[in-house]
Protein backbone atom coordinates (compact mmCIF):
# COMPACT_ATOMS: atom_id res chain seq x y z
CA MET A 1 34.98 -79.76 186.68
CA SER A 2 32.35 -77.05 186.36
CA ILE A 3 32.30 -73.81 188.63
CA ALA A 4 28.64 -74.97 189.60
CA THR A 5 30.29 -78.07 191.01
CA ARG A 6 33.18 -76.27 192.68
CA ILE A 7 30.63 -73.93 194.19
CA THR A 8 28.51 -76.52 195.47
CA LYS A 9 31.37 -78.55 197.11
CA LEU A 10 32.68 -75.18 198.68
CA GLU A 11 29.32 -74.52 200.15
CA ALA A 12 28.84 -78.12 201.48
CA ARG A 13 31.97 -77.78 203.59
CA GLY A 14 29.93 -75.49 205.93
CA GLY A 15 32.83 -72.81 207.05
CA ALA A 16 31.83 -69.57 208.15
CA GLY A 17 28.66 -69.29 205.79
CA GLU A 18 30.49 -67.49 203.21
CA ILE A 19 29.20 -67.72 199.55
CA PRO A 20 32.15 -67.92 197.11
CA ILE A 21 31.77 -65.62 194.17
CA TRP A 22 33.67 -66.57 191.03
CA CYS A 23 34.86 -63.80 188.99
CA ASP A 24 38.44 -63.04 187.60
CA ASP A 25 39.02 -59.95 189.80
CA GLU A 26 38.03 -59.03 193.29
CA THR A 27 36.90 -55.61 192.07
CA ASP A 28 34.16 -57.24 190.04
CA VAL A 29 32.55 -58.99 193.07
CA PRO A 30 30.04 -56.17 193.95
CA ALA A 31 28.77 -56.29 190.10
CA THR A 32 28.67 -60.21 190.05
CA ILE A 33 26.51 -60.15 193.05
CA ASP A 34 24.34 -57.41 191.65
CA ALA A 35 23.94 -59.70 188.40
CA MET A 36 23.35 -62.91 190.59
CA ILE A 37 20.78 -61.22 192.57
CA ALA A 38 19.14 -59.95 189.22
CA GLU A 39 19.07 -63.44 187.78
CA GLY A 40 17.63 -64.85 191.33
CA GLU A 41 20.57 -66.81 192.10
CA LEU A 42 21.18 -65.00 195.23
CA GLN A 43 18.99 -62.74 197.73
CA GLU A 44 19.92 -59.39 198.85
CA THR A 45 20.31 -60.85 202.34
CA ASP A 46 22.95 -63.02 201.22
CA ARG A 47 25.20 -59.98 199.94
CA PRO A 48 27.18 -59.88 203.38
CA ARG A 49 28.18 -63.38 203.14
CA CYS A 50 29.57 -63.11 199.69
CA VAL A 51 33.45 -63.19 199.33
CA HIS A 52 35.93 -63.61 196.38
CA TRP A 53 36.53 -67.22 195.88
CA MET A 54 40.39 -66.37 196.56
CA LEU A 55 39.29 -64.86 199.93
CA MET A 56 37.55 -67.78 201.24
CA GLN A 57 38.50 -68.77 204.91
CA ALA A 58 39.56 -72.25 205.27
CA PRO A 59 39.71 -73.81 208.86
CA ALA A 60 42.97 -74.07 210.22
CA GLY A 61 44.87 -77.07 209.09
CA SER A 62 42.59 -77.92 206.48
CA HIS A 63 44.53 -76.97 203.21
CA GLU A 64 44.76 -80.37 202.01
CA ARG A 65 41.26 -81.07 202.33
CA ALA A 66 40.48 -77.59 200.77
CA LEU A 67 42.47 -78.28 197.90
CA GLY A 68 40.84 -81.56 197.42
CA ILE A 69 37.37 -79.97 197.45
CA LEU A 70 38.38 -77.75 194.29
CA SER A 71 39.62 -80.88 192.11
């Protein structure tokens, strides 16, 4: 499954309005966001909602559902 498909599925789940940022290291998130804004994939107003994909907040009791979304 492509990263784009995974992002679409994560964003579709609603959640807290977080935008998953897919990069290897959490310290790369600001640079990745900058690159995504430069490419027109995000807007500057989206920046506060962006989080490293490993830090996404799953609703309580949804671990099985969240894992299903990623597969």
